[in-house]
Amino acid sequence: MARGDKVFISPDVTHQKDWVEGKVIDVENNPFVGVVISAQTDDGNIFFDREYKFKYAL
């Protein structure tokens, strides 16, 4: 994943019922947990977690 990619964010991260669409704003290679993605939703909320909690939006 790279900056600007559209993604779906897991309900585990957002605490919503369904996956939420957002846009990747940062990708960090954290030496302790691996790749960490930060994504912003259309309403301005920012969520971040490990890469496996995000999936590409088509």
Protein backbone atom coordinates (compact mmCIF):
# COMPACT_ATOMS: atom_id res chain seq x y z
CA MET A 1 0.00 0.00 0.00
CA ALA A 2 1.08 3.54 -0.68
CA ARG A 3 -0.06 7.07 0.07
CA GLY A 4 -3.23 7.97 -1.79
CA ASP A 5 -4.51 4.37 -2.12
CA LYS A 6 -8.18 3.87 -1.31
CA VAL A 7 -8.68 1.24 1.36
CA PHE A 8 -11.32 -0.33 3.55
CA ILE A 9 -10.62 -0.14 7.28
CA SER A 10 -11.53 -3.07 9.52
CA PRO A 11 -14.34 -2.72 12.07
CA ASP A 12 -11.75 -3.83 14.66
CA VAL A 13 -10.07 -0.46 14.15
CA THR A 14 -13.09 1.82 13.62
CA HIS A 15 -15.55 0.16 16.04
CA GLN A 16 -18.23 0.39 13.33
CA LYS A 17 -20.48 -2.45 12.10
CA ASP A 18 -18.97 -2.60 8.60
CA TRP A 19 -15.68 -1.86 6.88
CA VAL A 20 -15.21 1.91 6.36
CA GLU A 21 -13.64 3.44 3.26
CA GLY A 22 -10.67 5.75 3.61
CA LYS A 23 -7.50 6.97 1.94
CA VAL A 24 -3.95 6.07 3.02
CA ILE A 25 -2.12 9.12 4.37
CA ASP A 26 0.98 7.42 5.78
CA VAL A 27 2.83 4.09 5.62
CA GLU A 28 5.35 3.37 8.38
CA ASN A 29 7.74 0.45 8.66
CA ASN A 30 7.73 -0.02 12.43
CA PRO A 31 10.58 -2.27 13.63
CA PHE A 32 8.45 -3.71 16.45
CA VAL A 33 5.11 -4.53 14.77
CA GLY A 34 5.81 -4.34 11.03
CA VAL A 35 4.03 -2.11 8.53
CA VAL A 36 1.59 0.38 10.07
CA ILE A 37 -0.99 2.11 7.86
CA SER A 38 -2.66 5.45 8.67
CA ALA A 39 -5.84 6.20 6.75
CA GLN A 40 -8.29 9.10 6.80
CA THR A 41 -12.02 8.75 6.18
CA ASP A 42 -14.17 11.25 4.28
CA ASP A 43 -15.43 12.73 7.55
CA GLY A 44 -11.85 13.51 8.64
CA ASN A 45 -11.26 10.72 11.17
CA ILE A 46 -7.81 9.14 11.09
CA PHE A 47 -7.25 5.47 11.95
CA PHE A 48 -4.00 3.54 12.13
CA ASP A 49 -3.09 -0.07 12.74
CA ARG A 50 -1.12 -2.95 11.27
CA GLU A 51 -1.38 -3.56 7.54
CA TYR A 52 -3.56 -6.67 7.79
CA LYS A 53 -6.45 -4.57 9.20
CA PHE A 54 -6.77 -2.74 5.85
CA LYS A 55 -7.72 -4.00 2.40
CA TYR A 56 -7.68 -2.34 -1.01
CA ALA A 57 -10.90 -0.68 -2.19
CA LEU A 58 -11.64 -1.17 -5.87
